[in-house]
Amino acid sequence: MNVGFIGLGIMGRPMAGHLIAAGHRLFLSSRSGVPAEFTGKATACANGKDVAQQADVIITMVPDTPHVEAALFGAHGVAAGLSAGKLVIDMSSIAPIATKEFAKKINALGCDYLDAPVSGGEVGAKNAALTIMVGGSEAAFARAKPLFEAMGKNITLVGGNGDGQVCKVANQIIVALNIEAVAEALVFAAKAGADPARVRQALMGGFAASKVLEVHGERMIKRTFNPGFRIELHQKDLNLALNAAQSLGVSLPNTAGALQLFNACVAQGGAGWDHSAMVRALEKLAAHEVAAA
């Protein structure tokens, strides 16, 4: 396929690479410029309009709702270059309500729209093992599925437009609360005098085992907080959850608590830390680190 890809950051860069490796022709655009590694492998475009004019399917992978809106509907955005029959796929993690409005605007131009946020972080993006949660029509999903299969493993059509983003918000609630649980457990174990590495090893064989304990528990012990997924992005996702919960009349008390811990990390200059560094906020409260730097 002729595929446009907008947003070549930590996640978008390897995702675009997998699409090229699968034989698709890519047309690329990014705020920070197209990385040199794509020279000779893909076509660099000046803006979203240029991307949309040349591609049949256009993917956006940017940080937040305003960035998606700008990429799609800003000056020289994707919408300005669309013609009937094209497909727009937003793989960012943004507000479900805004997603539904974006879909209506794209549909009005005679084009299909899918919201397809992902889970799996940098590791999943690099290994083409992302979980992809899709909202949109079955026909659009079938058209896009070969692209999704080049980037991910667990691919699910959840429902209509916006439902993919609802699923991603639910995912981020679960991940944040798992990170908090692992962090609390390891801080408790370390302050009690146990070896946190051996505690983690023991827990990996029991009912407490999880991907978060496996990956982020190791990060907490080894102090490797270079981002696979930045705290500021997870902070954004939990704000989406709480804003939506308020409009629905739903109480999410533990989600609110996890957000406060992320807020504390940001206050310490940790907006760019990996979200596993939530443990640092709990370490401050305990006056004890899980492991030495």
C-alpha atoms as a PDB file:
ATOM      1  CA  MET A   1       0.000   0.000   0.000  1.00  0.00           C
ATOM      2  CA  ASN A   2       0.909   3.664  -0.257  1.00  0.00           C
ATOM      3  CA  VAL A   3       1.015   4.598   3.430  1.00  0.00           C
ATOM      4  CA  GLY A   4       1.504   7.993   5.022  1.00  0.00           C
ATOM      5  CA  PHE A   5       2.986   8.079   8.531  1.00  0.00           C
ATOM      6  CA  ILE A   6       3.000  11.234  10.662  1.00  0.00           C
ATOM      7  CA  GLY A   7       4.939  11.183  13.929  1.00  0.00           C
ATOM      8  CA  LEU A   8       8.313   9.443  14.126  1.00  0.00           C
ATOM      9  CA  GLY A   9       9.099   9.495  17.822  1.00  0.00           C
ATOM     10  CA  ILE A  10       9.914   6.659  20.241  1.00  0.00           C
ATOM     11  CA  MET A  11       6.938   4.628  19.012  1.00  0.00           C
ATOM     12  CA  GLY A  12       6.330   5.871  15.476  1.00  0.00           C
ATOM     13  CA  ARG A  13       9.873   5.386  14.265  1.00  0.00           C
ATOM     14  CA  PRO A  14      10.039   1.579  14.649  1.00  0.00           C
ATOM     15  CA  MET A  15       6.399   1.211  13.584  1.00  0.00           C
ATOM     16  CA  ALA A  16       7.109   2.971  10.295  1.00  0.00           C
ATOM     17  CA  GLY A  17      10.197   0.815   9.879  1.00  0.00           C
ATOM     18  CA  HIS A  18       8.134  -2.373  10.150  1.00  0.00           C
ATOM     19  CA  LEU A  19       5.734  -1.111   7.477  1.00  0.00           C
ATOM     20  CA  ILE A  20       8.656  -0.485   5.119  1.00  0.00           C
ATOM     21  CA  ALA A  21      10.056  -3.948   5.882  1.00  0.00           C
ATOM     22  CA  ALA A  22       6.639  -5.420   5.011  1.00  0.00           C
ATOM     23  CA  GLY A  23       6.912  -3.925   1.531  1.00  0.00           C
ATOM     24  CA  HIS A  24       4.681  -0.875   1.819  1.00  0.00           C
ATOM     25  CA  ARG A  25       5.625   2.482   0.231  1.00  0.00           C
ATOM     26  CA  LEU A  26       5.840   5.115   2.951  1.00  0.00           C
ATOM     27  CA  PHE A  27       5.429   8.881   2.871  1.00  0.00           C
ATOM     28  CA  LEU A  28       6.735  10.394   6.098  1.00  0.00           C
ATOM     29  CA  SER A  29       6.351  13.595   8.092  1.00  0.00           C
ATOM     30  CA  SER A  30       7.435  14.513  11.620  1.00  0.00           C
ATOM     31  CA  ARG A  31       7.734  17.717  13.647  1.00  0.00           C
ATOM     32  CA  SER A  32      11.373  16.909  14.385  1.00  0.00           C
ATOM     33  CA  GLY A  33      12.128  15.976  10.776  1.00  0.00           C
ATOM     34  CA  VAL A  34      12.384  12.596   9.096  1.00  0.00           C
ATOM     35  CA  PRO A  35      15.261  10.538  10.599  1.00  0.00           C
ATOM     36  CA  ALA A  36      18.223   9.837   8.321  1.00  0.00           C
ATOM     37  CA  GLU A  37      17.663   6.082   8.648  1.00  0.00           C
ATOM     38  CA  PHE A  38      14.695   6.401   6.268  1.00  0.00           C
ATOM     39  CA  THR A  39      16.710   8.045   3.491  1.00  0.00           C
ATOM     40  CA  GLY A  40      16.311   6.014   0.319  1.00  0.00           C
ATOM     41  CA  LYS A  41      13.680   3.799   1.960  1.00  0.00           C
ATOM     42  CA  ALA A  42      10.740   6.221   2.120  1.00  0.00           C
ATOM     43  CA  THR A  43       9.643   9.625   0.841  1.00  0.00           C
ATOM     44  CA  ALA A  44       9.949  12.618   3.162  1.00  0.00           C
ATOM     45  CA  CYS A  45       7.046  15.071   2.939  1.00  0.00           C
ATOM     46  CA  ALA A  46       6.817  18.702   3.948  1.00  0.00           C
ATOM     47  CA  ASN A  47       3.523  18.423   5.825  1.00  0.00           C
ATOM     48  CA  GLY A  48       0.386  16.363   6.374  1.00  0.00           C
ATOM     49  CA  LYS A  49      -1.318  17.704   3.266  1.00  0.00           C
ATOM     50  CA  ASP A  50       1.572  16.434   1.142  1.00  0.00           C
ATOM     51  CA  VAL A  51       1.394  13.056   2.901  1.00  0.00           C
ATOM     52  CA  ALA A  52      -2.355  12.736   2.316  1.00  0.00           C
ATOM     53  CA  GLN A  53      -2.089  13.652  -1.358  1.00  0.00           C
ATOM     54  CA  GLN A  54       0.398  10.846  -2.014  1.00  0.00           C
ATOM     55  CA  ALA A  55      -0.846   8.082   0.307  1.00  0.00           C
ATOM     56  CA  ASP A  56      -4.015   5.987   0.300  1.00  0.00           C
ATOM     57  CA  VAL A  57      -3.825   5.259   4.032  1.00  0.00           C
ATOM     58  CA  ILE A  58      -2.576   7.915   6.465  1.00  0.00           C
ATOM     59  CA  ILE A  59      -1.440   7.023   9.993  1.00  0.00           C
ATOM     60  CA  THR A  60      -0.890   9.545  12.788  1.00  0.00           C
ATOM     61  CA  MET A  61       1.176   8.644  15.876  1.00  0.00           C
ATOM     62  CA  VAL A  62       1.592  11.799  17.967  1.00  0.00           C
ATOM     63  CA  PRO A  63       1.488  12.565  21.722  1.00  0.00           C
ATOM     64  CA  ASP A  64      -1.898  14.072  22.560  1.00  0.00           C
ATOM     65  CA  THR A  65      -5.334  15.226  21.371  1.00  0.00           C
ATOM     66  CA  PRO A  66      -4.241  18.737  20.283  1.00  0.00           C
ATOM     67  CA  HIS A  67      -1.390  17.239  18.248  1.00  0.00           C
ATOM     68  CA  VAL A  68      -3.785  14.925  16.395  1.00  0.00           C
ATOM     69  CA  GLU A  69      -6.166  17.810  15.732  1.00  0.00           C
ATOM     70  CA  ALA A  70      -3.322  19.939  14.364  1.00  0.00           C
ATOM     71  CA  ALA A  71      -1.990  17.088  12.212  1.00  0.00           C
ATOM     72  CA  LEU A  72      -5.413  16.426  10.732  1.00  0.00           C
ATOM     73  CA  PHE A  73      -7.098  19.825  10.533  1.00  0.00           C
ATOM     74  CA  GLY A  74      -4.393  22.466  10.978  1.00  0.00           C
ATOM     75  CA  ALA A  75      -2.880  24.550   8.205  1.00  0.00           C
ATOM     76  CA  HIS A  76      -1.485  22.156   5.587  1.00  0.00           C
ATOM     77  CA  GLY A  77      -2.928  19.248   7.600  1.00  0.00           C
ATOM     78  CA  VAL A  78      -4.042  15.836   6.392  1.00  0.00           C
ATOM     79  CA  ALA A  79      -7.645  16.885   5.727  1.00  0.00           C
ATOM     80  CA  ALA A  80      -6.482  19.453   3.164  1.00  0.00           C
ATOM     81  CA  GLY A  81      -4.889  16.699   1.075  1.00  0.00           C
ATOM     82  CA  LEU A  82      -7.577  14.017   1.311  1.00  0.00           C
ATOM     83  CA  SER A  83      -9.721  12.781  -1.550  1.00  0.00           C
ATOM     84  CA  ALA A  84     -12.680  10.411  -1.310  1.00  0.00           C
ATOM     85  CA  GLY A  85     -11.926   6.776  -0.539  1.00  0.00           C
ATOM     86  CA  LYS A  86      -8.820   7.266   1.579  1.00  0.00           C
ATOM     87  CA  LEU A  87      -8.380   5.901   5.096  1.00  0.00           C
ATOM     88  CA  VAL A  88      -7.128   7.837   8.114  1.00  0.00           C
ATOM     89  CA  ILE A  89      -5.864   5.852  11.117  1.00  0.00           C
ATOM     90  CA  ASP A  90      -4.976   7.575  14.375  1.00  0.00           C
ATOM     91  CA  MET A  91      -2.749   5.342  16.506  1.00  0.00           C
ATOM     92  CA  SER A  92      -2.141   7.997  19.172  1.00  0.00           C
ATOM     93  CA  SER A  93      -3.725   7.795  22.631  1.00  0.00           C
ATOM     94  CA  ILE A  94      -6.215  10.643  22.889  1.00  0.00           C
ATOM     95  CA  ALA A  95      -9.664  11.638  24.203  1.00  0.00           C
ATOM     96  CA  PRO A  96     -12.498   9.324  23.052  1.00  0.00           C
ATOM     97  CA  ILE A  97     -14.983  12.198  22.649  1.00  0.00           C
ATOM     98  CA  ALA A  98     -12.585  14.200  20.466  1.00  0.00           C
ATOM     99  CA  THR A  99     -11.916  11.048  18.453  1.00  0.00           C
ATOM    100  CA  LYS A 100     -15.591  10.736  17.560  1.00  0.00           C
ATOM    101  CA  GLU A 101     -15.628  14.352  16.344  1.00  0.00           C
ATOM    102  CA  PHE A 102     -12.473  13.829  14.269  1.00  0.00           C
ATOM    103  CA  ALA A 103     -14.047  10.735  12.697  1.00  0.00           C
ATOM    104  CA  LYS A 104     -17.184  12.664  11.721  1.00  0.00           C
ATOM    105  CA  LYS A 105     -15.100  15.357  10.007  1.00  0.00           C
ATOM    106  CA  ILE A 106     -13.032  12.802   8.083  1.00  0.00           C
ATOM    107  CA  ASN A 107     -16.164  10.835   7.126  1.00  0.00           C
ATOM    108  CA  ALA A 108     -17.697  14.048   5.774  1.00  0.00           C
ATOM    109  CA  LEU A 109     -14.805  14.198   3.292  1.00  0.00           C
ATOM    110  CA  GLY A 110     -15.734  10.762   1.949  1.00  0.00           C
ATOM    111  CA  CYS A 111     -12.980   8.945   3.840  1.00  0.00           C
ATOM    112  CA  ASP A 112     -12.911   6.243   6.523  1.00  0.00           C
ATOM    113  CA  TYR A 113     -11.476   6.735  10.008  1.00  0.00           C
ATOM    114  CA  LEU A 114     -10.088   4.285  12.549  1.00  0.00           C
ATOM    115  CA  ASP A 115      -8.857   5.027  16.051  1.00  0.00           C
ATOM    116  CA  ALA A 116      -6.233   2.390  16.803  1.00  0.00           C
ATOM    117  CA  PRO A 117      -4.220   3.209  19.942  1.00  0.00           C
ATOM    118  CA  VAL A 118      -1.526   0.767  20.992  1.00  0.00           C
ATOM    119  CA  SER A 119      -0.046  -0.802  24.105  1.00  0.00           C
ATOM    120  CA  GLY A 120       3.359  -2.397  24.519  1.00  0.00           C
ATOM    121  CA  GLY A 121       5.645   0.607  24.735  1.00  0.00           C
ATOM    122  CA  GLU A 122       8.967   1.011  22.978  1.00  0.00           C
ATOM    123  CA  VAL A 123       9.787  -2.688  23.340  1.00  0.00           C
ATOM    124  CA  GLY A 124       6.523  -3.712  21.690  1.00  0.00           C
ATOM    125  CA  ALA A 125       7.011  -1.173  18.907  1.00  0.00           C
ATOM    126  CA  LYS A 126      10.544  -2.386  18.181  1.00  0.00           C
ATOM    127  CA  ASN A 127       9.508  -6.049  18.220  1.00  0.00           C
ATOM    128  CA  ALA A 128       6.338  -5.534  16.141  1.00  0.00           C
ATOM    129  CA  ALA A 129       4.462  -6.988  19.103  1.00  0.00           C
ATOM    130  CA  LEU A 130       2.076  -4.156  19.950  1.00  0.00           C
ATOM    131  CA  THR A 131      -1.452  -4.687  21.189  1.00  0.00           C
ATOM    132  CA  ILE A 132      -3.713  -2.648  18.892  1.00  0.00           C
ATOM    133  CA  MET A 133      -7.218  -1.608  20.016  1.00  0.00           C
ATOM    134  CA  VAL A 134      -9.344  -0.479  17.085  1.00  0.00           C
ATOM    135  CA  GLY A 135     -12.524   1.566  16.780  1.00  0.00           C
ATOM    136  CA  GLY A 136     -14.320   1.938  13.439  1.00  0.00           C
ATOM    137  CA  SER A 137     -16.184   0.034  10.746  1.00  0.00           C
ATOM    138  CA  GLU A 138     -15.502  -3.601   9.929  1.00  0.00           C
ATOM    139  CA  ALA A 139     -14.724  -2.700   6.309  1.00  0.00           C
ATOM    140  CA  ALA A 140     -12.103  -0.117   7.299  1.00  0.00           C
ATOM    141  CA  PHE A 141     -10.642  -2.543   9.835  1.00  0.00           C
ATOM    142  CA  ALA A 142     -10.309  -5.269   7.191  1.00  0.00           C
ATOM    143  CA  ARG A 143      -8.533  -2.824   4.882  1.00  0.00           C
ATOM    144  CA  ALA A 144      -6.096  -1.770   7.601  1.00  0.00           C
ATOM    145  CA  LYS A 145      -5.465  -5.203   9.130  1.00  0.00           C
ATOM    146  CA  PRO A 146      -2.393  -6.053   6.981  1.00  0.00           C
ATOM    147  CA  LEU A 147      -0.789  -2.836   8.238  1.00  0.00           C
ATOM    148  CA  PHE A 148      -1.658  -3.623  11.843  1.00  0.00           C
ATOM    149  CA  GLU A 149      -0.222  -7.128  11.446  1.00  0.00           C
ATOM    150  CA  ALA A 150       3.124  -5.628  10.437  1.00  0.00           C
ATOM    151  CA  MET A 151       3.251  -3.663  13.698  1.00  0.00           C
ATOM    152  CA  GLY A 152       1.467  -5.782  16.300  1.00  0.00           C
ATOM    153  CA  LYS A 153       0.327  -9.183  17.514  1.00  0.00           C
ATOM    154  CA  ASN A 154      -2.891  -8.767  19.487  1.00  0.00           C
ATOM    155  CA  ILE A 155      -5.227  -6.842  17.159  1.00  0.00           C
ATOM    156  CA  THR A 156      -8.868  -6.361  18.135  1.00  0.00           C
ATOM    157  CA  LEU A 157     -11.777  -4.456  16.605  1.00  0.00           C
ATOM    158  CA  VAL A 158     -13.377  -3.244  19.831  1.00  0.00           C
ATOM    159  CA  GLY A 159     -16.335  -1.372  18.356  1.00  0.00           C
ATOM    160  CA  GLY A 160     -17.183   1.890  16.624  1.00  0.00           C
ATOM    161  CA  ASN A 161     -15.127   5.084  16.444  1.00  0.00           C
ATOM    162  CA  GLY A 162     -13.981   6.104  19.908  1.00  0.00           C
ATOM    163  CA  ASP A 163     -14.169   2.607  21.372  1.00  0.00           C
ATOM    164  CA  GLY A 164     -10.513   1.958  20.595  1.00  0.00           C
ATOM    165  CA  GLN A 165      -9.600   4.992  22.683  1.00  0.00           C
ATOM    166  CA  VAL A 166     -11.936   3.916  25.485  1.00  0.00           C
ATOM    167  CA  CYS A 167     -10.136   0.556  25.528  1.00  0.00           C
ATOM    168  CA  LYS A 168      -6.743   2.300  25.656  1.00  0.00           C
ATOM    169  CA  VAL A 169      -7.818   4.446  28.602  1.00  0.00           C
ATOM    170  CA  ALA A 170      -8.920   1.261  30.404  1.00  0.00           C
ATOM    171  CA  ASN A 171      -5.534  -0.272  29.565  1.00  0.00           C
ATOM    172  CA  GLN A 172      -3.706   2.716  31.052  1.00  0.00           C
ATOM    173  CA  ILE A 173      -5.710   2.494  34.258  1.00  0.00           C
ATOM    174  CA  ILE A 174      -4.717  -1.165  34.663  1.00  0.00           C
ATOM    175  CA  VAL A 175      -1.051  -0.531  33.849  1.00  0.00           C
ATOM    176  CA  ALA A 176      -0.768   2.445  36.225  1.00  0.00           C
ATOM    177  CA  LEU A 177      -2.311   0.541  39.114  1.00  0.00           C
ATOM    178  CA  ASN A 178      -0.051  -2.441  38.440  1.00  0.00           C
ATOM    179  CA  ILE A 179       3.000  -0.169  38.463  1.00  0.00           C
ATOM    180  CA  GLU A 180       1.840   1.287  41.777  1.00  0.00           C
ATOM    181  CA  ALA A 181       1.279  -2.187  43.241  1.00  0.00           C
ATOM    182  CA  VAL A 182       4.730  -3.412  42.201  1.00  0.00           C
ATOM    183  CA  ALA A 183       6.370  -0.216  43.430  1.00  0.00           C
ATOM    184  CA  GLU A 184       4.648  -0.392  46.823  1.00  0.00           C
ATOM    185  CA  ALA A 185       5.576  -4.052  47.225  1.00  0.00           C
ATOM    186  CA  LEU A 186       9.250  -3.522  46.386  1.00  0.00           C
ATOM    187  CA  VAL A 187       9.552  -0.413  48.594  1.00  0.00           C
ATOM    188  CA  PHE A 188       7.976  -2.386  51.462  1.00  0.00           C
ATOM    189  CA  ALA A 189      10.284  -5.358  50.904  1.00  0.00           C
ATOM    190  CA  ALA A 190      13.421  -3.231  50.641  1.00  0.00           C
ATOM    191  CA  LYS A 191      12.682  -1.192  53.762  1.00  0.00           C
ATOM    192  CA  ALA A 192      11.914  -4.398  55.661  1.00  0.00           C
ATOM    193  CA  GLY A 193      15.464  -5.516  54.878  1.00  0.00           C
ATOM    194  CA  ALA A 194      14.757  -8.122  52.190  1.00  0.00           C
ATOM    195  CA  ASP A 195      16.617  -8.233  48.887  1.00  0.00           C
ATOM    196  CA  PRO A 196      14.134  -6.702  46.387  1.00  0.00           C
ATOM    197  CA  ALA A 197      15.693  -8.582  43.468  1.00  0.00           C
ATOM    198  CA  ARG A 198      15.105 -11.926  45.179  1.00  0.00           C
ATOM    199  CA  VAL A 199      11.626 -10.883  46.286  1.00  0.00           C
ATOM    200  CA  ARG A 200      10.784 -10.066  42.663  1.00  0.00           C
ATOM    201  CA  GLN A 201      12.233 -13.385  41.516  1.00  0.00           C
ATOM    202  CA  ALA A 202      10.071 -15.269  44.009  1.00  0.00           C
ATOM    203  CA  LEU A 203       6.918 -13.329  43.078  1.00  0.00           C
ATOM    204  CA  MET A 204       7.447 -14.029  39.379  1.00  0.00           C
ATOM    205  CA  GLY A 205       6.542 -17.661  40.058  1.00  0.00           C
ATOM    206  CA  GLY A 206       3.297 -16.951  41.899  1.00  0.00           C
ATOM    207  CA  PHE A 207      -0.127 -15.388  41.444  1.00  0.00           C
ATOM    208  CA  ALA A 208       1.434 -11.889  41.672  1.00  0.00           C
ATOM    209  CA  ALA A 209       3.363 -12.481  38.436  1.00  0.00           C
ATOM    210  CA  SER A 210       2.698  -9.911  35.711  1.00  0.00           C
ATOM    211  CA  LYS A 211       4.371  -8.202  32.776  1.00  0.00           C
ATOM    212  CA  VAL A 212       4.720  -5.082  34.916  1.00  0.00           C
ATOM    213  CA  LEU A 213       6.503  -7.035  37.670  1.00  0.00           C
ATOM    214  CA  GLU A 214       8.736  -8.654  35.060  1.00  0.00           C
ATOM    215  CA  VAL A 215       9.715  -5.538  33.088  1.00  0.00           C
ATOM    216  CA  HIS A 216       9.137  -2.567  35.379  1.00  0.00           C
ATOM    217  CA  GLY A 217      10.039  -4.372  38.580  1.00  0.00           C
ATOM    218  CA  GLU A 218      13.457  -4.968  37.047  1.00  0.00           C
ATOM    219  CA  ARG A 219      13.676  -1.293  36.042  1.00  0.00           C
ATOM    220  CA  MET A 220      12.940  -0.241  39.642  1.00  0.00           C
ATOM    221  CA  ILE A 221      15.683  -2.495  40.984  1.00  0.00           C
ATOM    222  CA  LYS A 222      18.275  -1.629  38.327  1.00  0.00           C
ATOM    223  CA  ARG A 223      17.294   2.098  38.313  1.00  0.00           C
ATOM    224  CA  THR A 224      16.923   2.133  34.517  1.00  0.00           C
ATOM    225  CA  PHE A 225      14.377   4.922  34.105  1.00  0.00           C
ATOM    226  CA  ASN A 226      15.249   6.010  30.574  1.00  0.00           C
ATOM    227  CA  PRO A 227      11.845   6.178  28.918  1.00  0.00           C
ATOM    228  CA  GLY A 228      10.125   3.454  27.091  1.00  0.00           C
ATOM    229  CA  PHE A 229       6.917   5.328  27.958  1.00  0.00           C
ATOM    230  CA  ARG A 230       7.251   8.753  29.562  1.00  0.00           C
ATOM    231  CA  ILE A 231       5.513   9.674  32.815  1.00  0.00           C
ATOM    232  CA  GLU A 232       4.054  12.810  31.214  1.00  0.00           C
ATOM    233  CA  LEU A 233       2.234  10.631  28.655  1.00  0.00           C
ATOM    234  CA  HIS A 234       0.806   8.281  31.277  1.00  0.00           C
ATOM    235  CA  GLN A 235      -0.148  11.340  33.325  1.00  0.00           C
ATOM    236  CA  LYS A 236      -2.054  12.589  30.272  1.00  0.00           C
ATOM    237  CA  ASP A 237      -3.827   9.239  29.874  1.00  0.00           C
ATOM    238  CA  LEU A 238      -4.971   9.137  33.498  1.00  0.00           C
ATOM    239  CA  ASN A 239      -6.283  12.682  33.172  1.00  0.00           C
ATOM    240  CA  LEU A 240      -8.301  11.441  30.174  1.00  0.00           C
ATOM    241  CA  ALA A 241      -9.632   8.628  32.354  1.00  0.00           C
ATOM    242  CA  LEU A 242     -10.647  10.906  35.217  1.00  0.00           C
ATOM    243  CA  ASN A 243     -12.220  13.531  32.935  1.00  0.00           C
ATOM    244  CA  ALA A 244     -14.264  10.845  31.184  1.00  0.00           C
ATOM    245  CA  ALA A 245     -15.184   9.257  34.519  1.00  0.00           C
ATOM    246  CA  GLN A 246     -16.482  12.578  35.812  1.00  0.00           C
ATOM    247  CA  SER A 247     -18.697  13.012  32.756  1.00  0.00           C
ATOM    248  CA  LEU A 248     -19.987   9.446  33.198  1.00  0.00           C
ATOM    249  CA  GLY A 249     -20.535   9.752  36.941  1.00  0.00           C
ATOM    250  CA  VAL A 250     -18.008   7.003  37.658  1.00  0.00           C
ATOM    251  CA  SER A 251     -15.638   6.980  40.641  1.00  0.00           C
ATOM    252  CA  LEU A 252     -12.041   5.878  39.972  1.00  0.00           C
ATOM    253  CA  PRO A 253     -10.357   6.411  43.377  1.00  0.00           C
ATOM    254  CA  ASN A 254      -7.219   4.363  42.782  1.00  0.00           C
ATOM    255  CA  THR A 255      -6.698   5.889  39.341  1.00  0.00           C
ATOM    256  CA  ALA A 256      -6.771   9.299  41.032  1.00  0.00           C
ATOM    257  CA  GLY A 257      -4.155   8.134  43.526  1.00  0.00           C
ATOM    258  CA  ALA A 258      -1.861   6.838  40.782  1.00  0.00           C
ATOM    259  CA  LEU A 259      -2.157  10.165  38.979  1.00  0.00           C
ATOM    260  CA  GLN A 260      -1.085  12.000  42.132  1.00  0.00           C
ATOM    261  CA  LEU A 261       2.061   9.855  42.302  1.00  0.00           C
ATOM    262  CA  PHE A 262       2.838  10.696  38.661  1.00  0.00           C
ATOM    263  CA  ASN A 263       2.212  14.369  39.492  1.00  0.00           C
ATOM    264  CA  ALA A 264       4.731  14.104  42.340  1.00  0.00           C
ATOM    265  CA  CYS A 265       7.330  12.675  39.948  1.00  0.00           C
ATOM    266  CA  VAL A 266       6.730  15.502  37.474  1.00  0.00           C
ATOM    267  CA  ALA A 267       7.178  18.011  40.318  1.00  0.00           C
ATOM    268  CA  GLN A 268      10.609  16.444  40.897  1.00  0.00           C
ATOM    269  CA  GLY A 269      11.576  16.981  37.257  1.00  0.00           C
ATOM    270  CA  GLY A 270      10.526  13.511  36.148  1.00  0.00           C
ATOM    271  CA  ALA A 271       8.132  14.255  33.278  1.00  0.00           C
ATOM    272  CA  GLY A 272      10.521  12.482  30.925  1.00  0.00           C
ATOM    273  CA  TRP A 273      11.240   9.491  33.174  1.00  0.00           C
ATOM    274  CA  ASP A 274       9.856   6.079  32.294  1.00  0.00           C
ATOM    275  CA  HIS A 275       6.518   5.479  34.017  1.00  0.00           C
ATOM    276  CA  SER A 276       8.127   2.749  36.139  1.00  0.00           C
ATOM    277  CA  ALA A 277       9.803   5.662  37.972  1.00  0.00           C
ATOM    278  CA  MET A 278       6.526   6.176  39.827  1.00  0.00           C
ATOM    279  CA  VAL A 279       8.427   4.181  42.465  1.00  0.00           C
ATOM    280  CA  ARG A 280      10.499   7.308  43.164  1.00  0.00           C
ATOM    281  CA  ALA A 281       7.459   9.110  44.583  1.00  0.00           C
ATOM    282  CA  LEU A 282       6.783   6.183  46.918  1.00  0.00           C
ATOM    283  CA  GLU A 283      10.474   6.038  47.878  1.00  0.00           C
ATOM    284  CA  LYS A 284      10.269   9.688  48.934  1.00  0.00           C
ATOM    285  CA  LEU A 285       7.296   8.878  51.184  1.00  0.00           C
ATOM    286  CA  ALA A 286       9.173   5.922  52.697  1.00  0.00           C
ATOM    287  CA  ALA A 287      12.548   7.708  52.892  1.00  0.00           C
ATOM    288  CA  HIS A 288      14.046   4.567  51.405  1.00  0.00           C
ATOM    289  CA  GLU A 289      15.073   3.494  47.894  1.00  0.00           C
ATOM    290  CA  VAL A 290      14.337   0.062  46.475  1.00  0.00           C
ATOM    291  CA  ALA A 291      17.964  -0.270  45.365  1.00  0.00           C
ATOM    292  CA  ALA A 292      21.049   1.890  45.133  1.00  0.00           C
ATOM    293  CA  ALA A 293      21.554   3.849  41.913  1.00  0.00           C
END
